[in-house]
Amino acid sequence: MTVRLNHAALEHARKLVEQGAVVHDERDDWSEHAPSADDENRYVEKNGWDDYALWHLGEDPDKSEETKGRFSFPYGDFARVHRCAVISLESRAAQNDHDDLAREAKRLLELIDGE
């Protein structure tokens, strides 16, 4: 699995944070706050794959372009950035040696926390 940093998604996340579109939730809330598979499907149907990609910091270019499997490390609910999602993805990225994703997630978390 060759996951690379999705730079467009990172810029999208930063803009959302700067605009205040952030949920300041707790570390373990992502399992409850994450969009369901049905929510994801509806979002893709309504907005397309390019918009769907903007909500994921990871992308695997070896996967088919119009599949959910191509995108990983979600950071929000298709409306707002969730602090808990960024914490989760930073941890998972670090555990799986995706150093660039972990580094950018940490920077995004610092932006969310106003550091």
PDB file of N, CA and C in Angstrom:
ATOM      1  N   MET A   1       0.841  -1.173   0.000  1.00  0.00           N
ATOM      2  CA  MET A   1       0.000   0.000   0.000  1.00  0.00           C
ATOM      3  C   MET A   1       0.889   1.241   0.000  1.00  0.00           C
ATOM      4  N   THR A   2       0.788   2.034  -1.033  1.00  0.00           N
ATOM      5  CA  THR A   2       1.583   3.242  -1.184  1.00  0.00           C
ATOM      6  C   THR A   2       0.693   4.454  -0.931  1.00  0.00           C
ATOM      7  N   VAL A   3       0.615   4.857   0.308  1.00  0.00           N
ATOM      8  CA  VAL A   3      -0.216   6.013   0.654  1.00  0.00           C
ATOM      9  C   VAL A   3       0.652   7.265   0.609  1.00  0.00           C
ATOM     10  N   ARG A   4       0.148   8.260  -0.090  1.00  0.00           N
ATOM     11  CA  ARG A   4       0.867   9.527  -0.162  1.00  0.00           C
ATOM     12  C   ARG A   4      -0.018  10.636   0.406  1.00  0.00           C
ATOM     13  N   LEU A   5       0.614  11.723   0.762  1.00  0.00           N
ATOM     14  CA  LEU A   5      -0.094  12.873   1.293  1.00  0.00           C
ATOM     15  C   LEU A   5      -0.910  13.517   0.179  1.00  0.00           C
ATOM     16  N   ASN A   6      -2.176  13.762   0.452  1.00  0.00           N
ATOM     17  CA  ASN A   6      -3.075  14.438  -0.473  1.00  0.00           C
ATOM     18  C   ASN A   6      -2.974  15.941  -0.163  1.00  0.00           C
ATOM     19  N   HIS A   7      -2.163  16.645  -0.921  1.00  0.00           N
ATOM     20  CA  HIS A   7      -1.887  18.058  -0.652  1.00  0.00           C
ATOM     21  C   HIS A   7      -3.137  18.929  -0.781  1.00  0.00           C
ATOM     22  N   ALA A   8      -3.994  18.612  -1.742  1.00  0.00           N
ATOM     23  CA  ALA A   8      -5.233  19.393  -1.909  1.00  0.00           C
ATOM     24  C   ALA A   8      -6.125  19.241  -0.672  1.00  0.00           C
ATOM     25  N   ALA A   9      -6.188  18.036  -0.120  1.00  0.00           N
ATOM     26  CA  ALA A   9      -6.990  17.807   1.089  1.00  0.00           C
ATOM     27  C   ALA A   9      -6.400  18.553   2.283  1.00  0.00           C
ATOM     28  N   LEU A  10      -5.084  18.580   2.374  1.00  0.00           N
ATOM     29  CA  LEU A  10      -4.434  19.299   3.469  1.00  0.00           C
ATOM     30  C   LEU A  10      -4.762  20.789   3.391  1.00  0.00           C
ATOM     31  N   GLU A  11      -4.702  21.360   2.202  1.00  0.00           N
ATOM     32  CA  GLU A  11      -5.053  22.777   2.033  1.00  0.00           C
ATOM     33  C   GLU A  11      -6.523  23.024   2.380  1.00  0.00           C
ATOM     34  N   HIS A  12      -7.389  22.104   1.970  1.00  0.00           N
ATOM     35  CA  HIS A  12      -8.811  22.207   2.281  1.00  0.00           C
ATOM     36  C   HIS A  12      -9.021  22.193   3.795  1.00  0.00           C
ATOM     37  N   ALA A  13      -8.349  21.287   4.472  1.00  0.00           N
ATOM     38  CA  ALA A  13      -8.471  21.195   5.936  1.00  0.00           C
ATOM     39  C   ALA A  13      -7.985  22.474   6.601  1.00  0.00           C
ATOM     40  N   ARG A  14      -6.860  22.995   6.162  1.00  0.00           N
ATOM     41  CA  ARG A  14      -6.326  24.228   6.746  1.00  0.00           C
ATOM     42  C   ARG A  14      -7.306  25.391   6.575  1.00  0.00           C
ATOM     43  N   LYS A  15      -7.878  25.512   5.386  1.00  0.00           N
ATOM     44  CA  LYS A  15      -8.835  26.590   5.130  1.00  0.00           C
ATOM     45  C   LYS A  15     -10.060  26.461   6.034  1.00  0.00           C
ATOM     46  N   LEU A  16     -10.536  25.231   6.194  1.00  0.00           N
ATOM     47  CA  LEU A  16     -11.692  25.018   7.067  1.00  0.00           C
ATOM     48  C   LEU A  16     -11.378  25.433   8.505  1.00  0.00           C
ATOM     49  N   VAL A  17     -10.198  25.061   8.973  1.00  0.00           N
ATOM     50  CA  VAL A  17      -9.802  25.430  10.341  1.00  0.00           C
ATOM     51  C   VAL A  17      -9.715  26.947  10.466  1.00  0.00           C
ATOM     52  N   GLU A  18      -9.096  27.583   9.491  1.00  0.00           N
ATOM     53  CA  GLU A  18      -8.974  29.041   9.524  1.00  0.00           C
ATOM     54  C   GLU A  18     -10.339  29.724   9.495  1.00  0.00           C
ATOM     55  N   GLN A  19     -11.322  29.100   8.854  1.00  0.00           N
ATOM     56  CA  GLN A  19     -12.678  29.646   8.790  1.00  0.00           C
ATOM     57  C   GLN A  19     -13.504  29.300  10.029  1.00  0.00           C
ATOM     58  N   GLY A  20     -12.940  28.490  10.910  1.00  0.00           N
ATOM     59  CA  GLY A  20     -13.647  28.106  12.129  1.00  0.00           C
ATOM     60  C   GLY A  20     -14.568  26.918  11.983  1.00  0.00           C
ATOM     61  N   ALA A  21     -14.461  26.196  10.883  1.00  0.00           N
ATOM     62  CA  ALA A  21     -15.292  25.010  10.657  1.00  0.00           C
ATOM     63  C   ALA A  21     -14.633  23.798  11.310  1.00  0.00           C
ATOM     64  N   VAL A  22     -14.619  23.823  12.647  1.00  0.00           N
ATOM     65  CA  VAL A  22     -13.919  22.802  13.434  1.00  0.00           C
ATOM     66  C   VAL A  22     -14.801  22.348  14.584  1.00  0.00           C
ATOM     67  N   VAL A  23     -14.754  21.067  14.880  1.00  0.00           N
ATOM     68  CA  VAL A  23     -15.382  20.513  16.075  1.00  0.00           C
ATOM     69  C   VAL A  23     -14.251  20.209  17.048  1.00  0.00           C
ATOM     70  N   HIS A  24     -14.275  20.859  18.205  1.00  0.00           N
ATOM     71  CA  HIS A  24     -13.233  20.673  19.220  1.00  0.00           C
ATOM     72  C   HIS A  24     -13.649  19.531  20.150  1.00  0.00           C
ATOM     73  N   ASP A  25     -13.647  18.345  19.597  1.00  0.00           N
ATOM     74  CA  ASP A  25     -14.068  17.178  20.361  1.00  0.00           C
ATOM     75  C   ASP A  25     -12.870  16.485  20.998  1.00  0.00           C
ATOM     76  N   GLU A  26     -13.159  15.409  21.690  1.00  0.00           N
ATOM     77  CA  GLU A  26     -12.128  14.704  22.450  1.00  0.00           C
ATOM     78  C   GLU A  26     -11.525  13.556  21.650  1.00  0.00           C
ATOM     79  N   ARG A  27     -10.397  13.113  22.099  1.00  0.00           N
ATOM     80  CA  ARG A  27      -9.575  12.115  21.421  1.00  0.00           C
ATOM     81  C   ARG A  27     -10.351  10.898  20.911  1.00  0.00           C
ATOM     82  N   ASP A  28     -11.208  10.316  21.723  1.00  0.00           N
ATOM     83  CA  ASP A  28     -11.847   9.053  21.375  1.00  0.00           C
ATOM     84  C   ASP A  28     -13.228   9.212  20.724  1.00  0.00           C
ATOM     85  N   ASP A  29     -13.598  10.408  20.339  1.00  0.00           N
ATOM     86  CA  ASP A  29     -14.931  10.643  19.786  1.00  0.00           C
ATOM     87  C   ASP A  29     -15.084  10.259  18.320  1.00  0.00           C
ATOM     88  N   TRP A  30     -14.002  10.037  17.600  1.00  0.00           N
ATOM     89  CA  TRP A  30     -14.092   9.834  16.156  1.00  0.00           C
ATOM     90  C   TRP A  30     -14.929   8.618  15.777  1.00  0.00           C
ATOM     91  N   SER A  31     -14.895   7.565  16.553  1.00  0.00           N
ATOM     92  CA  SER A  31     -15.694   6.384  16.204  1.00  0.00           C
ATOM     93  C   SER A  31     -17.180   6.704  16.162  1.00  0.00           C
ATOM     94  N   GLU A  32     -17.612   7.668  16.959  1.00  0.00           N
ATOM     95  CA  GLU A  32     -19.021   8.078  16.961  1.00  0.00           C
ATOM     96  C   GLU A  32     -19.299   9.201  15.965  1.00  0.00           C
ATOM     97  N   HIS A  33     -18.298  10.023  15.670  1.00  0.00           N
ATOM     98  CA  HIS A  33     -18.493  11.188  14.816  1.00  0.00           C
ATOM     99  C   HIS A  33     -18.204  10.934  13.338  1.00  0.00           C
ATOM    100  N   ALA A  34     -17.500   9.866  13.043  1.00  0.00           N
ATOM    101  CA  ALA A  34     -17.121   9.573  11.648  1.00  0.00           C
ATOM    102  C   ALA A  34     -18.358   9.292  10.800  1.00  0.00           C
ATOM    103  N   PRO A  35     -18.346   9.764   9.558  1.00  0.00           N
ATOM    104  CA  PRO A  35     -19.467   9.460   8.663  1.00  0.00           C
ATOM    105  C   PRO A  35     -19.596   7.947   8.445  1.00  0.00           C
ATOM    106  N   SER A  36     -20.822   7.482   8.337  1.00  0.00           N
ATOM    107  CA  SER A  36     -21.060   6.068   8.060  1.00  0.00           C
ATOM    108  C   SER A  36     -20.782   5.789   6.581  1.00  0.00           C
ATOM    109  N   ALA A  37     -20.744   4.532   6.216  1.00  0.00           N
ATOM    110  CA  ALA A  37     -20.565   4.157   4.806  1.00  0.00           C
ATOM    111  C   ALA A  37     -21.701   4.726   3.958  1.00  0.00           C
ATOM    112  N   ASP A  38     -22.917   4.722   4.491  1.00  0.00           N
ATOM    113  CA  ASP A  38     -24.046   5.311   3.761  1.00  0.00           C
ATOM    114  C   ASP A  38     -23.876   6.815   3.588  1.00  0.00           C
ATOM    115  N   ASP A  39     -23.397   7.488   4.628  1.00  0.00           N
ATOM    116  CA  ASP A  39     -23.125   8.927   4.527  1.00  0.00           C
ATOM    117  C   ASP A  39     -22.084   9.197   3.437  1.00  0.00           C
ATOM    118  N   GLU A  40     -21.053   8.377   3.419  1.00  0.00           N
ATOM    119  CA  GLU A  40     -20.006   8.526   2.401  1.00  0.00           C
ATOM    120  C   GLU A  40     -20.572   8.322   0.999  1.00  0.00           C
ATOM    121  N   ASN A  41     -21.381   7.281   0.843  1.00  0.00           N
ATOM    122  CA  ASN A  41     -21.970   7.002  -0.476  1.00  0.00           C
ATOM    123  C   ASN A  41     -22.846   8.159  -0.949  1.00  0.00           C
ATOM    124  N   ARG A  42     -23.663   8.686  -0.053  1.00  0.00           N
ATOM    125  CA  ARG A  42     -24.509   9.829  -0.408  1.00  0.00           C
ATOM    126  C   ARG A  42     -23.669  11.041  -0.787  1.00  0.00           C
ATOM    127  N   TYR A  43     -22.590  11.257  -0.057  1.00  0.00           N
ATOM    128  CA  TYR A  43     -21.722  12.395  -0.343  1.00  0.00           C
ATOM    129  C   TYR A  43     -21.099  12.258  -1.738  1.00  0.00           C
ATOM    130  N   VAL A  44     -20.612  11.068  -2.056  1.00  0.00           N
ATOM    131  CA  VAL A  44     -20.014  10.841  -3.374  1.00  0.00           C
ATOM    132  C   VAL A  44     -21.051  11.040  -4.469  1.00  0.00           C
ATOM    133  N   GLU A  45     -22.242  10.497  -4.274  1.00  0.00           N
ATOM    134  CA  GLU A  45     -23.304  10.646  -5.278  1.00  0.00           C
ATOM    135  C   GLU A  45     -23.642  12.114  -5.519  1.00  0.00           C
ATOM    136  N   LYS A  46     -23.676  12.892  -4.461  1.00  0.00           N
ATOM    137  CA  LYS A  46     -24.057  14.298  -4.571  1.00  0.00           C
ATOM    138  C   LYS A  46     -22.911  15.192  -5.039  1.00  0.00           C
ATOM    139  N   ASN A  47     -21.687  14.922  -4.565  1.00  0.00           N
ATOM    140  CA  ASN A  47     -20.560  15.843  -4.772  1.00  0.00           C
ATOM    141  C   ASN A  47     -19.439  15.320  -5.656  1.00  0.00           C
ATOM    142  N   GLY A  48     -19.401  14.016  -5.890  1.00  0.00           N
ATOM    143  CA  GLY A  48     -18.364  13.443  -6.744  1.00  0.00           C
ATOM    144  C   GLY A  48     -17.102  13.042  -5.991  1.00  0.00           C
ATOM    145  N   TRP A  49     -16.248  12.333  -6.719  1.00  0.00           N
ATOM    146  CA  TRP A  49     -15.033  11.775  -6.130  1.00  0.00           C
ATOM    147  C   TRP A  49     -13.996  12.834  -5.790  1.00  0.00           C
ATOM    148  N   ASP A  50     -13.909  13.896  -6.581  1.00  0.00           N
ATOM    149  CA  ASP A  50     -12.920  14.933  -6.291  1.00  0.00           C
ATOM    150  C   ASP A  50     -13.194  15.592  -4.942  1.00  0.00           C
ATOM    151  N   ASP A  51     -14.460  15.886  -4.664  1.00  0.00           N
ATOM    152  CA  ASP A  51     -14.815  16.459  -3.360  1.00  0.00           C
ATOM    153  C   ASP A  51     -14.601  15.449  -2.233  1.00  0.00           C
ATOM    154  N   TYR A  52     -14.942  14.208  -2.486  1.00  0.00           N
ATOM    155  CA  TYR A  52     -14.736  13.161  -1.485  1.00  0.00           C
ATOM    156  C   TYR A  52     -13.251  13.084  -1.112  1.00  0.00           C
ATOM    157  N   ALA A  53     -12.393  13.170  -2.110  1.00  0.00           N
ATOM    158  CA  ALA A  53     -10.947  13.091  -1.883  1.00  0.00           C
ATOM    159  C   ALA A  53     -10.455  14.212  -0.979  1.00  0.00           C
ATOM    160  N   LEU A  54     -11.099  15.376  -1.048  1.00  0.00           N
ATOM    161  CA  LEU A  54     -10.672  16.519  -0.241  1.00  0.00           C
ATOM    162  C   LEU A  54     -10.828  16.292   1.256  1.00  0.00           C
ATOM    163  N   TRP A  55     -11.546  15.267   1.640  1.00  0.00           N
ATOM    164  CA  TRP A  55     -11.770  14.981   3.059  1.00  0.00           C
ATOM    165  C   TRP A  55     -10.868  13.875   3.593  1.00  0.00           C
ATOM    166  N   HIS A  56      -9.820  13.522   2.823  1.00  0.00           N
ATOM    167  CA  HIS A  56      -8.904  12.452   3.210  1.00  0.00           C
ATOM    168  C   HIS A  56      -7.462  12.892   2.969  1.00  0.00           C
ATOM    169  N   LEU A  57      -6.638  12.843   4.011  1.00  0.00           N
ATOM    170  CA  LEU A  57      -5.242  13.261   3.865  1.00  0.00           C
ATOM    171  C   LEU A  57      -4.382  12.215   3.178  1.00  0.00           C
ATOM    172  N   GLY A  58      -4.876  10.993   3.068  1.00  0.00           N
ATOM    173  CA  GLY A  58      -4.112   9.944   2.410  1.00  0.00           C
ATOM    174  C   GLY A  58      -4.749   9.511   1.105  1.00  0.00           C
ATOM    175  N   GLU A  59      -3.890   9.202   0.131  1.00  0.00           N
ATOM    176  CA  GLU A  59      -4.365   8.702  -1.158  1.00  0.00           C
ATOM    177  C   GLU A  59      -3.394   7.637  -1.653  1.00  0.00           C
ATOM    178  N   ASP A  60      -3.950   6.533  -2.135  1.00  0.00           N
ATOM    179  CA  ASP A  60      -3.147   5.446  -2.687  1.00  0.00           C
ATOM    180  C   ASP A  60      -3.304   5.463  -4.203  1.00  0.00           C
ATOM    181  N   PRO A  61      -2.312   5.979  -4.928  1.00  0.00           N
ATOM    182  CA  PRO A  61      -2.424   6.097  -6.383  1.00  0.00           C
ATOM    183  C   PRO A  61      -2.484   4.753  -7.107  1.00  0.00           C
ATOM    184  N   ASP A  62      -2.171   3.676  -6.409  1.00  0.00           N
ATOM    185  CA  ASP A  62      -2.246   2.357  -7.029  1.00  0.00           C
ATOM    186  C   ASP A  62      -3.664   1.789  -7.040  1.00  0.00           C
ATOM    187  N   LYS A  63      -4.563   2.401  -6.300  1.00  0.00           N
ATOM    188  CA  LYS A  63      -5.960   1.950  -6.245  1.00  0.00           C
ATOM    189  C   LYS A  63      -6.769   2.648  -7.344  1.00  0.00           C
ATOM    190  N   SER A  64      -7.854   2.044  -7.737  1.00  0.00           N
ATOM    191  CA  SER A  64      -8.718   2.631  -8.760  1.00  0.00           C
ATOM    192  C   SER A  64      -9.184   4.010  -8.340  1.00  0.00           C
ATOM    193  N   GLU A  65      -9.285   4.902  -9.317  1.00  0.00           N
ATOM    194  CA  GLU A  65      -9.573   6.308  -9.025  1.00  0.00           C
ATOM    195  C   GLU A  65     -10.922   6.534  -8.361  1.00  0.00           C
ATOM    196  N   GLU A  66     -11.943   5.883  -8.781  1.00  0.00           N
ATOM    197  CA  GLU A  66     -13.273   6.146  -8.240  1.00  0.00           C
ATOM    198  C   GLU A  66     -13.719   5.040  -7.293  1.00  0.00           C
ATOM    199  N   THR A  67     -12.889   4.834  -6.260  1.00  0.00           N
ATOM    200  CA  THR A  67     -13.228   3.878  -5.213  1.00  0.00           C
ATOM    201  C   THR A  67     -12.856   4.483  -3.860  1.00  0.00           C
ATOM    202  N   LYS A  68     -13.600   4.121  -2.847  1.00  0.00           N
ATOM    203  CA  LYS A  68     -13.292   4.612  -1.504  1.00  0.00           C
ATOM    204  C   LYS A  68     -11.952   4.072  -1.023  1.00  0.00           C
ATOM    205  N   GLY A  69     -11.560   2.907  -1.508  1.00  0.00           N
ATOM    206  CA  GLY A  69     -10.293   2.313  -1.093  1.00  0.00           C
ATOM    207  C   GLY A  69      -9.079   3.133  -1.473  1.00  0.00           C
ATOM    208  N   ARG A  70      -9.228   4.038  -2.416  1.00  0.00           N
ATOM    209  CA  ARG A  70      -8.117   4.897  -2.827  1.00  0.00           C
ATOM    210  C   ARG A  70      -7.778   5.935  -1.751  1.00  0.00           C
ATOM    211  N   PHE A  71      -8.771   6.293  -0.937  1.00  0.00           N
ATOM    212  CA  PHE A  71      -8.611   7.397   0.005  1.00  0.00           C
ATOM    213  C   PHE A  71      -8.605   6.904   1.444  1.00  0.00           C
ATOM    214  N   SER A  72      -7.742   7.502   2.258  1.00  0.00           N
ATOM    215  CA  SER A  72      -7.621   7.090   3.659  1.00  0.00           C
ATOM    216  C   SER A  72      -7.303   8.308   4.521  1.00  0.00           C
ATOM    217  N   PHE A  73      -7.329   8.104   5.795  1.00  0.00           N
ATOM    218  CA  PHE A  73      -7.036   9.135   6.781  1.00  0.00           C
ATOM    219  C   PHE A  73      -8.009  10.319   6.684  1.00  0.00           C
ATOM    220  N   PRO A  74      -9.300  10.046   6.921  1.00  0.00           N
ATOM    221  CA  PRO A  74     -10.284  11.125   6.922  1.00  0.00           C
ATOM    222  C   PRO A  74     -10.082  12.051   8.121  1.00  0.00           C
ATOM    223  N   TYR A  75     -10.458  13.307   7.936  1.00  0.00           N
ATOM    224  CA  TYR A  75     -10.276  14.283   9.016  1.00  0.00           C
ATOM    225  C   TYR A  75     -11.554  15.029   9.372  1.00  0.00           C
ATOM    226  N   GLY A  76     -12.680  14.692   8.753  1.00  0.00           N
ATOM    227  CA  GLY A  76     -13.892  15.426   9.060  1.00  0.00           C
ATOM    228  C   GLY A  76     -15.149  14.728   8.600  1.00  0.00           C
ATOM    229  N   ASP A  77     -16.270  15.446   8.747  1.00  0.00           N
ATOM    230  CA  ASP A  77     -17.592  14.868   8.490  1.00  0.00           C
ATOM    231  C   ASP A  77     -18.255  15.425   7.227  1.00  0.00           C
ATOM    232  N   PHE A  78     -17.461  15.949   6.299  1.00  0.00           N
ATOM    233  CA  PHE A  78     -17.914  16.554   5.039  1.00  0.00           C
ATOM    234  C   PHE A  78     -18.488  17.950   5.240  1.00  0.00           C
ATOM    235  N   ALA A  79     -18.344  18.496   6.444  1.00  0.00           N
ATOM    236  CA  ALA A  79     -18.755  19.870   6.713  1.00  0.00           C
ATOM    237  C   ALA A  79     -17.718  20.577   7.588  1.00  0.00           C
ATOM    238  N   ARG A  80     -17.147  19.821   8.539  1.00  0.00           N
ATOM    239  CA  ARG A  80     -16.209  20.400   9.501  1.00  0.00           C
ATOM    240  C   ARG A  80     -15.056  19.448   9.765  1.00  0.00           C
ATOM    241  N   VAL A  81     -13.943  20.022  10.172  1.00  0.00           N
ATOM    242  CA  VAL A  81     -12.792  19.246  10.629  1.00  0.00           C
ATOM    243  C   VAL A  81     -13.080  18.822  12.058  1.00  0.00           C
ATOM    244  N   HIS A  82     -12.795  17.571  12.358  1.00  0.00           N
ATOM    245  CA  HIS A  82     -12.953  17.080  13.730  1.00  0.00           C
ATOM    246  C   HIS A  82     -11.574  16.874  14.350  1.00  0.00           C
ATOM    247  N   ARG A  83     -11.382  17.503  15.495  1.00  0.00           N
ATOM    248  CA  ARG A  83     -10.122  17.369  16.211  1.00  0.00           C
ATOM    249  C   ARG A  83      -9.814  15.899  16.496  1.00  0.00           C
ATOM    250  N   CYS A  84     -10.835  15.150  16.893  1.00  0.00           N
ATOM    251  CA  CYS A  84     -10.634  13.735  17.209  1.00  0.00           C
ATOM    252  C   CYS A  84     -10.171  12.940  15.980  1.00  0.00           C
ATOM    253  N   ALA A  85     -10.632  13.309  14.802  1.00  0.00           N
ATOM    254  CA  ALA A  85     -10.217  12.621  13.570  1.00  0.00           C
ATOM    255  C   ALA A  85      -8.753  12.902  13.280  1.00  0.00           C
ATOM    256  N   VAL A  86      -8.334  14.136  13.496  1.00  0.00           N
ATOM    257  CA  VAL A  86      -6.936  14.501  13.243  1.00  0.00           C
ATOM    258  C   VAL A  86      -6.019  13.774  14.224  1.00  0.00           C
ATOM    259  N   ILE A  87      -6.433  13.684  15.470  1.00  0.00           N
ATOM    260  CA  ILE A  87      -5.645  12.936  16.467  1.00  0.00           C
ATOM    261  C   ILE A  87      -5.545  11.478  16.048  1.00  0.00           C
ATOM    262  N   SER A  88      -6.656  10.896  15.651  1.00  0.00           N
ATOM    263  CA  SER A  88      -6.682   9.495  15.232  1.00  0.00           C
ATOM    264  C   SER A  88      -5.792   9.251  14.020  1.00  0.00           C
ATOM    265  N   LEU A  89      -5.902  10.113  13.031  1.00  0.00           N
ATOM    266  CA  LEU A  89      -5.117   9.878  11.819  1.00  0.00           C
ATOM    267  C   LEU A  89      -3.635  10.111  12.063  1.00  0.00           C
ATOM    268  N   GLU A  90      -3.286  11.052  12.932  1.00  0.00           N
ATOM    269  CA  GLU A  90      -1.874  11.248  13.258  1.00  0.00           C
ATOM    270  C   GLU A  90      -1.284   9.977  13.875  1.00  0.00           C
ATOM    271  N   SER A  91      -2.028   9.394  14.800  1.00  0.00           N
ATOM    272  CA  SER A  91      -1.570   8.178  15.468  1.00  0.00           C
ATOM    273  C   SER A  91      -1.442   7.010  14.485  1.00  0.00           C
ATOM    274  N   ARG A  92      -2.477   6.800  13.655  1.00  0.00           N
ATOM    275  CA  ARG A  92      -2.439   5.698  12.690  1.00  0.00           C
ATOM    276  C   ARG A  92      -1.349   5.900  11.643  1.00  0.00           C
ATOM    277  N   ALA A  93      -1.156   7.129  11.212  1.00  0.00           N
ATOM    278  CA  ALA A  93      -0.111   7.416  10.219  1.00  0.00           C
ATOM    279  C   ALA A  93       1.268   7.104  10.798  1.00  0.00           C
ATOM    280  N   ALA A  94       1.502   7.515  12.031  1.00  0.00           N
ATOM    281  CA  ALA A  94       2.788   7.252  12.677  1.00  0.00           C
ATOM    282  C   ALA A  94       3.014   5.754  12.864  1.00  0.00           C
ATOM    283  N   GLN A  95       1.974   5.037  13.273  1.00  0.00           N
ATOM    284  CA  GLN A  95       2.091   3.589  13.469  1.00  0.00           C
ATOM    285  C   GLN A  95       2.411   2.852  12.176  1.00  0.00           C
ATOM    286  N   ASN A  96       1.968   3.404  11.048  1.00  0.00           N
ATOM    287  CA  ASN A  96       2.163   2.742   9.757  1.00  0.00           C
ATOM    288  C   ASN A  96       3.272   3.380   8.921  1.00  0.00           C
ATOM    289  N   ASP A  97       4.130   4.145   9.582  1.00  0.00           N
ATOM    290  CA  ASP A  97       5.302   4.757   8.949  1.00  0.00           C
ATOM    291  C   ASP A  97       4.964   5.683   7.780  1.00  0.00           C
ATOM    292  N   HIS A  98       3.843   6.378   7.894  1.00  0.00           N
ATOM    293  CA  HIS A  98       3.498   7.421   6.926  1.00  0.00           C
ATOM    294  C   HIS A  98       3.913   8.750   7.567  1.00  0.00           C
ATOM    295  N   ASP A  99       5.213   8.968   7.601  1.00  0.00           N
ATOM    296  CA  ASP A  99       5.773  10.086   8.352  1.00  0.00           C
ATOM    297  C   ASP A  99       5.274  11.447   7.881  1.00  0.00           C
ATOM    298  N   ASP A 100       5.111  11.622   6.562  1.00  0.00           N
ATOM    299  CA  ASP A 100       4.657  12.919   6.062  1.00  0.00           C
ATOM    300  C   ASP A 100       3.219  13.196   6.498  1.00  0.00           C
ATOM    301  N   LEU A 101       2.382  12.169   6.491  1.00  0.00           N
ATOM    302  CA  LEU A 101       1.000  12.328   6.951  1.00  0.00           C
ATOM    303  C   LEU A 101       0.958  12.630   8.444  1.00  0.00           C
ATOM    304  N   ALA A 102       1.746  11.913   9.220  1.00  0.00           N
ATOM    305  CA  ALA A 102       1.774  12.133  10.670  1.00  0.00           C
ATOM    306  C   ALA A 102       2.256  13.550  10.980  1.00  0.00           C
ATOM    307  N   ARG A 103       3.275  13.998  10.290  1.00  0.00           N
ATOM    308  CA  ARG A 103       3.821  15.340  10.513  1.00  0.00           C
ATOM    309  C   ARG A 103       2.784  16.421  10.189  1.00  0.00           C
ATOM    310  N   GLU A 104       2.109  16.280   9.062  1.00  0.00           N
ATOM    311  CA  GLU A 104       1.123  17.280   8.663  1.00  0.00           C
ATOM    312  C   GLU A 104      -0.119  17.232   9.560  1.00  0.00           C
ATOM    313  N   ALA A 105      -0.485  16.058  10.029  1.00  0.00           N
ATOM    314  CA  ALA A 105      -1.602  15.940  10.964  1.00  0.00           C
ATOM    315  C   ALA A 105      -1.260  16.653  12.270  1.00  0.00           C
ATOM    316  N   LYS A 106      -0.031  16.506  12.717  1.00  0.00           N
ATOM    317  CA  LYS A 106       0.398  17.190  13.941  1.00  0.00           C
ATOM    318  C   LYS A 106       0.325  18.706  13.747  1.00  0.00           C
ATOM    319  N   ARG A 107       0.762  19.193  12.602  1.00  0.00           N
ATOM    320  CA  ARG A 107       0.693  20.635  12.320  1.00  0.00           C
ATOM    321  C   ARG A 107      -0.755  21.104  12.251  1.00  0.00           C
ATOM    322  N   LEU A 108      -1.607  20.286  11.664  1.00  0.00           N
ATOM    323  CA  LEU A 108      -3.016  20.635  11.584  1.00  0.00           C
ATOM    324  C   LEU A 108      -3.646  20.687  12.982  1.00  0.00           C
ATOM    325  N   LEU A 109      -3.273  19.744  13.825  1.00  0.00           N
ATOM    326  CA  LEU A 109      -3.755  19.739  15.212  1.00  0.00           C
ATOM    327  C   LEU A 109      -3.284  20.988  15.955  1.00  0.00           C
ATOM    328  N   GLU A 110      -2.050  21.406  15.725  1.00  0.00           N
ATOM    329  CA  GLU A 110      -1.540  22.633  16.353  1.00  0.00           C
ATOM    330  C   GLU A 110      -2.347  23.842  15.868  1.00  0.00           C
ATOM    331  N   LEU A 111      -2.723  23.858  14.597  1.00  0.00           N
ATOM    332  CA  LEU A 111      -3.535  24.944  14.070  1.00  0.00           C
ATOM    333  C   LEU A 111      -4.925  24.939  14.725  1.00  0.00           C
ATOM    334  N   ILE A 112      -5.484  23.754  14.887  1.00  0.00           N
ATOM    335  CA  ILE A 112      -6.801  23.624  15.541  1.00  0.00           C
ATOM    336  C   ILE A 112      -6.740  24.113  16.982  1.00  0.00           C
ATOM    337  N   ASP A 113      -5.682  23.738  17.668  1.00  0.00           N
ATOM    338  CA  ASP A 113      -5.547  24.090  19.081  1.00  0.00           C
ATOM    339  C   ASP A 113      -5.012  25.500  19.297  1.00  0.00           C
ATOM    340  N   GLY A 114      -4.726  26.198  18.199  1.00  0.00           N
ATOM    341  CA  GLY A 114      -4.283  27.587  18.296  1.00  0.00           C
ATOM    342  C   GLY A 114      -2.866  27.768  18.784  1.00  0.00           C
ATOM    343  N   GLU A 115      -2.032  26.778  18.521  1.00  0.00           N
ATOM    344  CA  GLU A 115      -0.633  26.875  18.962  1.00  0.00           C
ATOM    345  C   GLU A 115       0.226  27.537  17.906  1.00  0.00           C
TER     346      GLU A 115
END
